[in-house]
Amino acid sequence: MKHSYADYIPALKAMSDETRLRIIDMLSCGEMCACEILEEFSISQSTLSYHMKILSESGLVNAVRDGAWMRYTLNKEKTDELKTFFACITSDKEDCACKTYKNKRSSSKCC
């Protein structure tokens, strides 16, 4: 399975923040309202909105308006896709980038 590394940058950037990782962990148990998420942090509602926007735009989280609040769930398809991507790039395979590098290196006079 060939992956475009660039396709995963938004999700990986979204996960590069401790607060957003904690939110993902919280959502792994199921749907949560923004007010429920906010109770677990010492941040303002606008800061939570900022984090949720990043998570939603990355595709990791689905957001649905429920009156004045938003309800959030993990995007199962996206998280499964990321798991597959990590499994692919961390396993030995025929078209592995390291094999391409080793082949180039063996034909050069460097090192």
PDB file of N, CA and C in Angstrom:
ATOM      1  N   MET A   1       0.838  -1.176   0.000  1.00  0.00           N
ATOM      2  CA  MET A   1       0.000   0.000   0.000  1.00  0.00           C
ATOM      3  C   MET A   1       0.886   1.242   0.000  1.00  0.00           C
ATOM      4  N   LYS A   2       0.743   2.058  -1.006  1.00  0.00           N
ATOM      5  CA  LYS A   2       1.551   3.269  -1.146  1.00  0.00           C
ATOM      6  C   LYS A   2       0.808   4.442  -0.534  1.00  0.00           C
ATOM      7  N   HIS A   3       1.507   5.184   0.327  1.00  0.00           N
ATOM      8  CA  HIS A   3       0.901   6.323   1.000  1.00  0.00           C
ATOM      9  C   HIS A   3       1.607   7.599   0.586  1.00  0.00           C
ATOM     10  N   SER A   4       0.859   8.667   0.546  1.00  0.00           N
ATOM     11  CA  SER A   4       1.445   9.989   0.383  1.00  0.00           C
ATOM     12  C   SER A   4       1.647  10.543   1.790  1.00  0.00           C
ATOM     13  N   TYR A   5       2.879  10.713   2.185  1.00  0.00           N
ATOM     14  CA  TYR A   5       3.167  11.198   3.529  1.00  0.00           C
ATOM     15  C   TYR A   5       2.444  12.510   3.810  1.00  0.00           C
ATOM     16  N   ALA A   6       2.368  13.379   2.817  1.00  0.00           N
ATOM     17  CA  ALA A   6       1.747  14.695   2.987  1.00  0.00           C
ATOM     18  C   ALA A   6       0.284  14.594   3.400  1.00  0.00           C
ATOM     19  N   ASP A   7      -0.396  13.521   3.016  1.00  0.00           N
ATOM     20  CA  ASP A   7      -1.809  13.355   3.370  1.00  0.00           C
ATOM     21  C   ASP A   7      -2.011  13.248   4.879  1.00  0.00           C
ATOM     22  N   TYR A   8      -0.992  12.860   5.614  1.00  0.00           N
ATOM     23  CA  TYR A   8      -1.116  12.614   7.044  1.00  0.00           C
ATOM     24  C   TYR A   8      -0.614  13.766   7.910  1.00  0.00           C
ATOM     25  N   ILE A   9      -0.035  14.773   7.289  1.00  0.00           N
ATOM     26  CA  ILE A   9       0.531  15.902   8.040  1.00  0.00           C
ATOM     27  C   ILE A   9      -0.523  16.623   8.885  1.00  0.00           C
ATOM     28  N   PRO A  10      -1.715  16.955   8.357  1.00  0.00           N
ATOM     29  CA  PRO A  10      -2.689  17.657   9.211  1.00  0.00           C
ATOM     30  C   PRO A  10      -3.056  16.873  10.476  1.00  0.00           C
ATOM     31  N   ALA A  11      -3.272  15.582  10.356  1.00  0.00           N
ATOM     32  CA  ALA A  11      -3.630  14.776  11.528  1.00  0.00           C
ATOM     33  C   ALA A  11      -2.454  14.678  12.495  1.00  0.00           C
ATOM     34  N   LEU A  12      -1.257  14.514  11.972  1.00  0.00           N
ATOM     35  CA  LEU A  12      -0.088  14.409  12.851  1.00  0.00           C
ATOM     36  C   LEU A  12       0.185  15.732  13.564  1.00  0.00           C
ATOM     37  N   LYS A  13       0.002  16.850  12.859  1.00  0.00           N
ATOM     38  CA  LYS A  13       0.158  18.155  13.507  1.00  0.00           C
ATOM     39  C   LYS A  13      -0.908  18.336  14.587  1.00  0.00           C
ATOM     40  N   ALA A  14      -2.126  17.924  14.290  1.00  0.00           N
ATOM     41  CA  ALA A  14      -3.207  18.047  15.267  1.00  0.00           C
ATOM     42  C   ALA A  14      -2.892  17.243  16.518  1.00  0.00           C
ATOM     43  N   MET A  15      -2.226  16.122  16.360  1.00  0.00           N
ATOM     44  CA  MET A  15      -1.904  15.268  17.496  1.00  0.00           C
ATOM     45  C   MET A  15      -0.615  15.687  18.208  1.00  0.00           C
ATOM     46  N   SER A  16      -0.001  16.764  17.755  1.00  0.00           N
ATOM     47  CA  SER A  16       1.273  17.169  18.357  1.00  0.00           C
ATOM     48  C   SER A  16       1.100  18.088  19.567  1.00  0.00           C
ATOM     49  N   ASP A  17      -0.097  18.153  20.090  1.00  0.00           N
ATOM     50  CA  ASP A  17      -0.385  18.998  21.240  1.00  0.00           C
ATOM     51  C   ASP A  17      -0.980  18.138  22.358  1.00  0.00           C
ATOM     52  N   GLU A  18      -0.496  18.316  23.583  1.00  0.00           N
ATOM     53  CA  GLU A  18      -0.939  17.483  24.708  1.00  0.00           C
ATOM     54  C   GLU A  18      -2.443  17.613  24.962  1.00  0.00           C
ATOM     55  N   THR A  19      -2.976  18.821  24.887  1.00  0.00           N
ATOM     56  CA  THR A  19      -4.411  19.012  25.111  1.00  0.00           C
ATOM     57  C   THR A  19      -5.220  18.255  24.072  1.00  0.00           C
ATOM     58  N   ARG A  20      -4.824  18.353  22.815  1.00  0.00           N
ATOM     59  CA  ARG A  20      -5.564  17.661  21.753  1.00  0.00           C
ATOM     60  C   ARG A  20      -5.436  16.149  21.882  1.00  0.00           C
ATOM     61  N   LEU A  21      -4.290  15.664  22.314  1.00  0.00           N
ATOM     62  CA  LEU A  21      -4.156  14.222  22.553  1.00  0.00           C
ATOM     63  C   LEU A  21      -5.086  13.768  23.679  1.00  0.00           C
ATOM     64  N   ARG A  22      -5.180  14.563  24.713  1.00  0.00           N
ATOM     65  CA  ARG A  22      -6.095  14.219  25.818  1.00  0.00           C
ATOM     66  C   ARG A  22      -7.544  14.225  25.337  1.00  0.00           C
ATOM     67  N   ILE A  23      -7.890  15.174  24.482  1.00  0.00           N
ATOM     68  CA  ILE A  23      -9.250  15.222  23.944  1.00  0.00           C
ATOM     69  C   ILE A  23      -9.532  13.978  23.112  1.00  0.00           C
ATOM     70  N   ILE A  24      -8.581  13.577  22.280  1.00  0.00           N
ATOM     71  CA  ILE A  24      -8.745  12.355  21.479  1.00  0.00           C
ATOM     72  C   ILE A  24      -8.945  11.164  22.406  1.00  0.00           C
ATOM     73  N   ASP A  25      -8.157  11.097  23.463  1.00  0.00           N
ATOM     74  CA  ASP A  25      -8.293  10.009  24.432  1.00  0.00           C
ATOM     75  C   ASP A  25      -9.691  10.023  25.060  1.00  0.00           C
ATOM     76  N   MET A  26     -10.175  11.191  25.425  1.00  0.00           N
ATOM     77  CA  MET A  26     -11.512  11.309  26.010  1.00  0.00           C
ATOM     78  C   MET A  26     -12.585  10.848  25.025  1.00  0.00           C
ATOM     79  N   LEU A  27     -12.435  11.225  23.764  1.00  0.00           N
ATOM     80  CA  LEU A  27     -13.439  10.873  22.761  1.00  0.00           C
ATOM     81  C   LEU A  27     -13.394   9.392  22.377  1.00  0.00           C
ATOM     82  N   SER A  28     -12.332   8.698  22.778  1.00  0.00           N
ATOM     83  CA  SER A  28     -12.249   7.268  22.463  1.00  0.00           C
ATOM     84  C   SER A  28     -13.344   6.488  23.185  1.00  0.00           C
ATOM     85  N   CYS A  29     -13.924   7.082  24.226  1.00  0.00           N
ATOM     86  CA  CYS A  29     -15.010   6.438  24.977  1.00  0.00           C
ATOM     87  C   CYS A  29     -16.382   6.735  24.378  1.00  0.00           C
ATOM     88  N   GLY A  30     -16.448   7.630  23.408  1.00  0.00           N
ATOM     89  CA  GLY A  30     -17.722   7.949  22.777  1.00  0.00           C
ATOM     90  C   GLY A  30     -17.951   9.444  22.664  1.00  0.00           C
ATOM     91  N   GLU A  31     -19.120   9.793  22.193  1.00  0.00           N
ATOM     92  CA  GLU A  31     -19.491  11.186  21.949  1.00  0.00           C
ATOM     93  C   GLU A  31     -19.463  12.020  23.227  1.00  0.00           C
ATOM     94  N   MET A  32     -18.995  13.264  23.081  1.00  0.00           N
ATOM     95  CA  MET A  32     -18.966  14.190  24.203  1.00  0.00           C
ATOM     96  C   MET A  32     -19.377  15.574  23.728  1.00  0.00           C
ATOM     97  N   CYS A  33     -20.042  16.277  24.608  1.00  0.00           N
ATOM     98  CA  CYS A  33     -20.403  17.668  24.381  1.00  0.00           C
ATOM     99  C   CYS A  33     -19.188  18.535  24.723  1.00  0.00           C
ATOM    100  N   ALA A  34     -19.082  19.684  24.068  1.00  0.00           N
ATOM    101  CA  ALA A  34     -17.976  20.597  24.363  1.00  0.00           C
ATOM    102  C   ALA A  34     -17.946  20.960  25.841  1.00  0.00           C
ATOM    103  N   CYS A  35     -19.116  21.102  26.446  1.00  0.00           N
ATOM    104  CA  CYS A  35     -19.153  21.466  27.875  1.00  0.00           C
ATOM    105  C   CYS A  35     -18.543  20.362  28.743  1.00  0.00           C
ATOM    106  N   GLU A  36     -18.725  19.108  28.356  1.00  0.00           N
ATOM    107  CA  GLU A  36     -18.143  17.985  29.105  1.00  0.00           C
ATOM    108  C   GLU A  36     -16.624  17.961  28.947  1.00  0.00           C
ATOM    109  N   ILE A  37     -16.164  18.237  27.745  1.00  0.00           N
ATOM    110  CA  ILE A  37     -14.716  18.278  27.496  1.00  0.00           C
ATOM    111  C   ILE A  37     -14.105  19.431  28.270  1.00  0.00           C
ATOM    112  N   LEU A  38     -14.769  20.566  28.236  1.00  0.00           N
ATOM    113  CA  LEU A  38     -14.262  21.770  28.898  1.00  0.00           C
ATOM    114  C   LEU A  38     -14.082  21.568  30.396  1.00  0.00           C
ATOM    115  N   GLU A  39     -14.922  20.770  31.010  1.00  0.00           N
ATOM    116  CA  GLU A  39     -14.832  20.506  32.451  1.00  0.00           C
ATOM    117  C   GLU A  39     -13.507  19.851  32.843  1.00  0.00           C
ATOM    118  N   GLU A  40     -12.869  19.170  31.928  1.00  0.00           N
ATOM    119  CA  GLU A  40     -11.629  18.442  32.221  1.00  0.00           C
ATOM    120  C   GLU A  40     -10.371  19.292  32.074  1.00  0.00           C
ATOM    121  N   PHE A  41     -10.531  20.525  31.619  1.00  0.00           N
ATOM    122  CA  PHE A  41      -9.370  21.376  31.353  1.00  0.00           C
ATOM    123  C   PHE A  41      -9.506  22.715  32.062  1.00  0.00           C
ATOM    124  N   SER A  42      -8.391  23.341  32.298  1.00  0.00           N
ATOM    125  CA  SER A  42      -8.375  24.704  32.844  1.00  0.00           C
ATOM    126  C   SER A  42      -8.103  25.672  31.703  1.00  0.00           C
ATOM    127  N   ILE A  43      -9.021  25.678  30.729  1.00  0.00           N
ATOM    128  CA  ILE A  43      -8.880  26.545  29.568  1.00  0.00           C
ATOM    129  C   ILE A  43     -10.222  27.226  29.321  1.00  0.00           C
ATOM    130  N   SER A  44     -10.186  28.288  28.545  1.00  0.00           N
ATOM    131  CA  SER A  44     -11.420  29.000  28.210  1.00  0.00           C
ATOM    132  C   SER A  44     -12.173  28.256  27.110  1.00  0.00           C
ATOM    133  N   GLN A  45     -13.426  28.630  26.942  1.00  0.00           N
ATOM    134  CA  GLN A  45     -14.246  28.022  25.894  1.00  0.00           C
ATOM    135  C   GLN A  45     -13.661  28.344  24.522  1.00  0.00           C
ATOM    136  N   SER A  46     -13.121  29.549  24.353  1.00  0.00           N
ATOM    137  CA  SER A  46     -12.550  29.910  23.051  1.00  0.00           C
ATOM    138  C   SER A  46     -11.281  29.098  22.750  1.00  0.00           C
ATOM    139  N   THR A  47     -10.511  28.792  23.789  1.00  0.00           N
ATOM    140  CA  THR A  47      -9.316  27.952  23.587  1.00  0.00           C
ATOM    141  C   THR A  47      -9.727  26.532  23.213  1.00  0.00           C
ATOM    142  N   LEU A  48     -10.766  26.019  23.870  1.00  0.00           N
ATOM    143  CA  LEU A  48     -11.269  24.695  23.497  1.00  0.00           C
ATOM    144  C   LEU A  48     -11.760  24.707  22.050  1.00  0.00           C
ATOM    145  N   SER A  49     -12.470  25.751  21.672  1.00  0.00           N
ATOM    146  CA  SER A  49     -12.954  25.863  20.286  1.00  0.00           C
ATOM    147  C   SER A  49     -11.803  25.829  19.290  1.00  0.00           C
ATOM    148  N   TYR A  50     -10.717  26.503  19.641  1.00  0.00           N
ATOM    149  CA  TYR A  50      -9.521  26.503  18.792  1.00  0.00           C
ATOM    150  C   TYR A  50      -8.991  25.077  18.611  1.00  0.00           C
ATOM    151  N   HIS A  51      -8.855  24.346  19.718  1.00  0.00           N
ATOM    152  CA  HIS A  51      -8.355  22.970  19.645  1.00  0.00           C
ATOM    153  C   HIS A  51      -9.311  22.075  18.860  1.00  0.00           C
ATOM    154  N   MET A  52     -10.603  22.245  19.086  1.00  0.00           N
ATOM    155  CA  MET A  52     -11.581  21.410  18.390  1.00  0.00           C
ATOM    156  C   MET A  52     -11.610  21.718  16.898  1.00  0.00           C
ATOM    157  N   LYS A  53     -11.385  22.965  16.543  1.00  0.00           N
ATOM    158  CA  LYS A  53     -11.313  23.343  15.118  1.00  0.00           C
ATOM    159  C   LYS A  53     -10.152  22.625  14.441  1.00  0.00           C
ATOM    160  N   ILE A  54      -9.012  22.603  15.089  1.00  0.00           N
ATOM    161  CA  ILE A  54      -7.842  21.918  14.526  1.00  0.00           C
ATOM    162  C   ILE A  54      -8.131  20.425  14.383  1.00  0.00           C
ATOM    163  N   LEU A  55      -8.705  19.812  15.420  1.00  0.00           N
ATOM    164  CA  LEU A  55      -9.022  18.378  15.365  1.00  0.00           C
ATOM    165  C   LEU A  55     -10.057  18.079  14.286  1.00  0.00           C
ATOM    166  N   SER A  56     -11.046  18.946  14.150  1.00  0.00           N
ATOM    167  CA  SER A  56     -12.080  18.736  13.130  1.00  0.00           C
ATOM    168  C   SER A  56     -11.521  18.924  11.727  1.00  0.00           C
ATOM    169  N   GLU A  57     -10.752  19.978  11.516  1.00  0.00           N
ATOM    170  CA  GLU A  57     -10.183  20.240  10.195  1.00  0.00           C
ATOM    171  C   GLU A  57      -9.195  19.160   9.770  1.00  0.00           C
ATOM    172  N   SER A  58      -8.560  18.517  10.738  1.00  0.00           N
ATOM    173  CA  SER A  58      -7.614  17.446  10.417  1.00  0.00           C
ATOM    174  C   SER A  58      -8.341  16.162  10.021  1.00  0.00           C
ATOM    175  N   GLY A  59      -9.636  16.102  10.324  1.00  0.00           N
ATOM    176  CA  GLY A  59     -10.414  14.909  10.021  1.00  0.00           C
ATOM    177  C   GLY A  59     -10.461  13.900  11.151  1.00  0.00           C
ATOM    178  N   LEU A  60      -9.773  14.165  12.252  1.00  0.00           N
ATOM    179  CA  LEU A  60      -9.745  13.225  13.369  1.00  0.00           C
ATOM    180  C   LEU A  60     -11.040  13.218  14.173  1.00  0.00           C
ATOM    181  N   VAL A  61     -11.740  14.348  14.175  1.00  0.00           N
ATOM    182  CA  VAL A  61     -12.934  14.508  15.001  1.00  0.00           C
ATOM    183  C   VAL A  61     -14.095  15.006  14.141  1.00  0.00           C
ATOM    184  N   ASN A  62     -15.247  14.445  14.393  1.00  0.00           N
ATOM    185  CA  ASN A  62     -16.487  14.908  13.762  1.00  0.00           C
ATOM    186  C   ASN A  62     -17.184  15.843  14.738  1.00  0.00           C
ATOM    187  N   ALA A  63     -17.753  16.934  14.228  1.00  0.00           N
ATOM    188  CA  ALA A  63     -18.447  17.909  15.061  1.00  0.00           C
ATOM    189  C   ALA A  63     -19.872  18.098  14.547  1.00  0.00           C
ATOM    190  N   VAL A  64     -20.833  18.094  15.484  1.00  0.00           N
ATOM    191  CA  VAL A  64     -22.235  18.316  15.142  1.00  0.00           C
ATOM    192  C   VAL A  64     -22.805  19.329  16.127  1.00  0.00           C
ATOM    193  N   ARG A  65     -23.443  20.370  15.599  1.00  0.00           N
ATOM    194  CA  ARG A  65     -24.048  21.384  16.463  1.00  0.00           C
ATOM    195  C   ARG A  65     -25.292  20.812  17.132  1.00  0.00           C
ATOM    196  N   ASP A  66     -25.405  21.085  18.437  1.00  0.00           N
ATOM    197  CA  ASP A  66     -26.557  20.652  19.226  1.00  0.00           C
ATOM    198  C   ASP A  66     -27.019  21.862  20.041  1.00  0.00           C
ATOM    199  N   GLY A  67     -27.861  22.676  19.455  1.00  0.00           N
ATOM    200  CA  GLY A  67     -28.281  23.919  20.096  1.00  0.00           C
ATOM    201  C   GLY A  67     -27.109  24.876  20.201  1.00  0.00           C
ATOM    202  N   ALA A  68     -26.834  25.309  21.422  1.00  0.00           N
ATOM    203  CA  ALA A  68     -25.728  26.241  21.637  1.00  0.00           C
ATOM    204  C   ALA A  68     -24.374  25.539  21.734  1.00  0.00           C
ATOM    205  N   TRP A  69     -24.385  24.213  21.853  1.00  0.00           N
ATOM    206  CA  TRP A  69     -23.147  23.461  22.045  1.00  0.00           C
ATOM    207  C   TRP A  69     -22.825  22.606  20.829  1.00  0.00           C
ATOM    208  N   MET A  70     -21.610  22.121  20.842  1.00  0.00           N
ATOM    209  CA  MET A  70     -21.168  21.187  19.805  1.00  0.00           C
ATOM    210  C   MET A  70     -20.984  19.822  20.462  1.00  0.00           C
ATOM    211  N   ARG A  71     -21.280  18.796  19.700  1.00  0.00           N
ATOM    212  CA  ARG A  71     -21.048  17.420  20.151  1.00  0.00           C
ATOM    213  C   ARG A  71     -19.958  16.852  19.241  1.00  0.00           C
ATOM    214  N   TYR A  72     -19.029  16.131  19.857  1.00  0.00           N
ATOM    215  CA  TYR A  72     -17.858  15.637  19.135  1.00  0.00           C
ATOM    216  C   TYR A  72     -17.732  14.119  19.252  1.00  0.00           C
ATOM    217  N   THR A  73     -17.267  13.513  18.178  1.00  0.00           N
ATOM    218  CA  THR A  73     -16.928  12.094  18.159  1.00  0.00           C
ATOM    219  C   THR A  73     -15.631  11.926  17.388  1.00  0.00           C
ATOM    220  N   LEU A  74     -14.936  10.834  17.676  1.00  0.00           N
ATOM    221  CA  LEU A  74     -13.762  10.493  16.866  1.00  0.00           C
ATOM    222  C   LEU A  74     -14.234  10.043  15.498  1.00  0.00           C
ATOM    223  N   ASN A  75     -13.481  10.390  14.484  1.00  0.00           N
ATOM    224  CA  ASN A  75     -13.747   9.903  13.136  1.00  0.00           C
ATOM    225  C   ASN A  75     -13.059   8.544  13.020  1.00  0.00           C
ATOM    226  N   LYS A  76     -13.828   7.489  13.190  1.00  0.00           N
ATOM    227  CA  LYS A  76     -13.292   6.119  13.208  1.00  0.00           C
ATOM    228  C   LYS A  76     -12.540   5.792  11.918  1.00  0.00           C
ATOM    229  N   GLU A  77     -13.068   6.226  10.787  1.00  0.00           N
ATOM    230  CA  GLU A  77     -12.394   5.953   9.505  1.00  0.00           C
ATOM    231  C   GLU A  77     -11.003   6.575   9.476  1.00  0.00           C
ATOM    232  N   LYS A  78     -10.891   7.813   9.950  1.00  0.00           N
ATOM    233  CA  LYS A  78      -9.603   8.500   9.934  1.00  0.00           C
ATOM    234  C   LYS A  78      -8.624   7.860  10.924  1.00  0.00           C
ATOM    235  N   THR A  79      -9.102   7.504  12.119  1.00  0.00           N
ATOM    236  CA  THR A  79      -8.196   6.888  13.085  1.00  0.00           C
ATOM    237  C   THR A  79      -7.742   5.515  12.596  1.00  0.00           C
ATOM    238  N   ASP A  80      -8.634   4.768  11.950  1.00  0.00           N
ATOM    239  CA  ASP A  80      -8.237   3.474  11.376  1.00  0.00           C
ATOM    240  C   ASP A  80      -7.230   3.663  10.251  1.00  0.00           C
ATOM    241  N   GLU A  81      -7.435   4.701   9.449  1.00  0.00           N
ATOM    242  CA  GLU A  81      -6.503   5.010   8.356  1.00  0.00           C
ATOM    243  C   GLU A  81      -5.120   5.346   8.912  1.00  0.00           C
ATOM    244  N   LEU A  82      -5.078   6.118  10.005  1.00  0.00           N
ATOM    245  CA  LEU A  82      -3.795   6.447  10.633  1.00  0.00           C
ATOM    246  C   LEU A  82      -3.110   5.211  11.198  1.00  0.00           C
ATOM    247  N   LYS A  83      -3.886   4.316  11.806  1.00  0.00           N
ATOM    248  CA  LYS A  83      -3.313   3.067  12.327  1.00  0.00           C
ATOM    249  C   LYS A  83      -2.684   2.266  11.191  1.00  0.00           C
ATOM    250  N   THR A  84      -3.381   2.192  10.082  1.00  0.00           N
ATOM    251  CA  THR A  84      -2.865   1.464   8.915  1.00  0.00           C
ATOM    252  C   THR A  84      -1.603   2.126   8.385  1.00  0.00           C
ATOM    253  N   PHE A  85      -1.613   3.456   8.326  1.00  0.00           N
ATOM    254  CA  PHE A  85      -0.449   4.204   7.858  1.00  0.00           C
ATOM    255  C   PHE A  85       0.759   3.933   8.753  1.00  0.00           C
ATOM    256  N   PHE A  86       0.567   4.016  10.078  1.00  0.00           N
ATOM    257  CA  PHE A  86       1.683   3.745  10.992  1.00  0.00           C
ATOM    258  C   PHE A  86       2.176   2.312  10.862  1.00  0.00           C
ATOM    259  N   ALA A  87       1.267   1.370  10.739  1.00  0.00           N
ATOM    260  CA  ALA A  87       1.664  -0.031  10.576  1.00  0.00           C
ATOM    261  C   ALA A  87       2.482  -0.195   9.302  1.00  0.00           C
ATOM    262  N   CYS A  88       2.073   0.509   8.269  1.00  0.00           N
ATOM    263  CA  CYS A  88       2.767   0.401   6.983  1.00  0.00           C
ATOM    264  C   CYS A  88       4.174   1.006   7.046  1.00  0.00           C
ATOM    265  N   ILE A  89       4.287   2.195   7.609  1.00  0.00           N
ATOM    266  CA  ILE A  89       5.603   2.843   7.591  1.00  0.00           C
ATOM    267  C   ILE A  89       6.554   2.292   8.639  1.00  0.00           C
ATOM    268  N   THR A  90       6.053   1.485   9.567  1.00  0.00           N
ATOM    269  CA  THR A  90       6.933   0.926  10.604  1.00  0.00           C
ATOM    270  C   THR A  90       7.183  -0.564  10.412  1.00  0.00           C
ATOM    271  N   SER A  91       6.830  -1.078   9.251  1.00  0.00           N
ATOM    272  CA  SER A  91       7.068  -2.493   8.992  1.00  0.00           C
ATOM    273  C   SER A  91       7.922  -2.663   7.742  1.00  0.00           C
ATOM    274  N   ASP A  92       8.610  -3.768   7.696  1.00  0.00           N
ATOM    275  CA  ASP A  92       9.438  -4.105   6.534  1.00  0.00           C
ATOM    276  C   ASP A  92       8.510  -4.530   5.393  1.00  0.00           C
ATOM    277  N   LYS A  93       8.738  -3.960   4.242  1.00  0.00           N
ATOM    278  CA  LYS A  93       7.914  -4.282   3.076  1.00  0.00           C
ATOM    279  C   LYS A  93       8.762  -4.158   1.825  1.00  0.00           C
ATOM    280  N   GLU A  94       8.259  -4.676   0.755  1.00  0.00           N
ATOM    281  CA  GLU A  94       9.006  -4.711  -0.495  1.00  0.00           C
ATOM    282  C   GLU A  94       9.407  -3.324  -0.987  1.00  0.00           C
ATOM    283  N   ASP A  95       8.498  -2.362  -0.914  1.00  0.00           N
ATOM    284  CA  ASP A  95       8.781  -1.021  -1.434  1.00  0.00           C
ATOM    285  C   ASP A  95       9.181  -0.040  -0.328  1.00  0.00           C
ATOM    286  N   CYS A  96       9.801  -0.529   0.709  1.00  0.00           N
ATOM    287  CA  CYS A  96      10.183   0.280   1.858  1.00  0.00           C
ATOM    288  C   CYS A  96      11.188   1.368   1.445  1.00  0.00           C
ATOM    289  N   ALA A  97      11.019   2.546   2.001  1.00  0.00           N
ATOM    290  CA  ALA A  97      11.912   3.665   1.705  1.00  0.00           C
ATOM    291  C   ALA A  97      13.353   3.340   2.076  1.00  0.00           C
ATOM    292  N   CYS A  98      13.560   2.545   3.138  1.00  0.00           N
ATOM    293  CA  CYS A  98      14.923   2.225   3.552  1.00  0.00           C
ATOM    294  C   CYS A  98      15.629   1.371   2.501  1.00  0.00           C
ATOM    295  N   LYS A  99      14.885   0.522   1.801  1.00  0.00           N
ATOM    296  CA  LYS A  99      15.500  -0.311   0.758  1.00  0.00           C
ATOM    297  C   LYS A  99      15.930   0.534  -0.428  1.00  0.00           C
ATOM    298  N   THR A 100      15.133   1.535  -0.761  1.00  0.00           N
ATOM    299  CA  THR A 100      15.515   2.452  -1.836  1.00  0.00           C
ATOM    300  C   THR A 100      16.786   3.184  -1.451  1.00  0.00           C
ATOM    301  N   TYR A 101      16.843   3.646  -0.200  1.00  0.00           N
ATOM    302  CA  TYR A 101      18.013   4.346   0.296  1.00  0.00           C
ATOM    303  C   TYR A 101      19.236   3.431   0.293  1.00  0.00           C
ATOM    304  N   LYS A 102      19.080   2.199   0.760  1.00  0.00           N
ATOM    305  CA  LYS A 102      20.205   1.266   0.811  1.00  0.00           C
ATOM    306  C   LYS A 102      20.722   0.950  -0.573  1.00  0.00           C
ATOM    307  N   ASN A 103      19.818   0.817  -1.547  1.00  0.00           N
ATOM    308  CA  ASN A 103      20.236   0.542  -2.920  1.00  0.00           C
ATOM    309  C   ASN A 103      21.029   1.720  -3.480  1.00  0.00           C
ATOM    310  N   LYS A 104      20.588   2.943  -3.202  1.00  0.00           N
ATOM    311  CA  LYS A 104      21.307   4.123  -3.675  1.00  0.00           C
ATOM    312  C   LYS A 104      22.661   4.209  -2.999  1.00  0.00           C
ATOM    313  N   ARG A 105      22.684   3.934  -1.703  1.00  0.00           N
ATOM    314  CA  ARG A 105      23.913   4.043  -0.926  1.00  0.00           C
ATOM    315  C   ARG A 105      24.942   3.000  -1.379  1.00  0.00           C
ATOM    316  N   SER A 106      24.494   1.787  -1.697  1.00  0.00           N
ATOM    317  CA  SER A 106      25.428   0.748  -2.094  1.00  0.00           C
ATOM    318  C   SER A 106      26.071   1.042  -3.446  1.00  0.00           C
ATOM    319  N   SER A 107      25.400   1.850  -4.265  1.00  0.00           N
ATOM    320  CA  SER A 107      25.959   2.184  -5.585  1.00  0.00           C
ATOM    321  C   SER A 107      26.818   3.435  -5.531  1.00  0.00           C
ATOM    322  N   SER A 108      26.832   4.142  -4.398  1.00  0.00           N
ATOM    323  CA  SER A 108      27.641   5.356  -4.294  1.00  0.00           C
ATOM    324  C   SER A 108      28.927   5.036  -3.527  1.00  0.00           C
ATOM    325  N   LYS A 109      29.849   5.977  -3.549  1.00  0.00           N
ATOM    326  CA  LYS A 109      31.121   5.788  -2.864  1.00  0.00           C
ATOM    327  C   LYS A 109      31.116   6.408  -1.482  1.00  0.00           C
ATOM    328  N   CYS A 110      29.985   6.920  -1.062  1.00  0.00           N
ATOM    329  CA  CYS A 110      29.874   7.553   0.258  1.00  0.00           C
ATOM    330  C   CYS A 110      29.750   6.480   1.336  1.00  0.00           C
ATOM    331  N   CYS A 111      30.363   6.696   2.456  1.00  0.00           N
ATOM    332  CA  CYS A 111      30.274   5.837   3.645  1.00  0.00           C
ATOM    333  C   CYS A 111      30.616   4.405   3.308  1.00  0.00           C
TER     334      CYS A 111
END
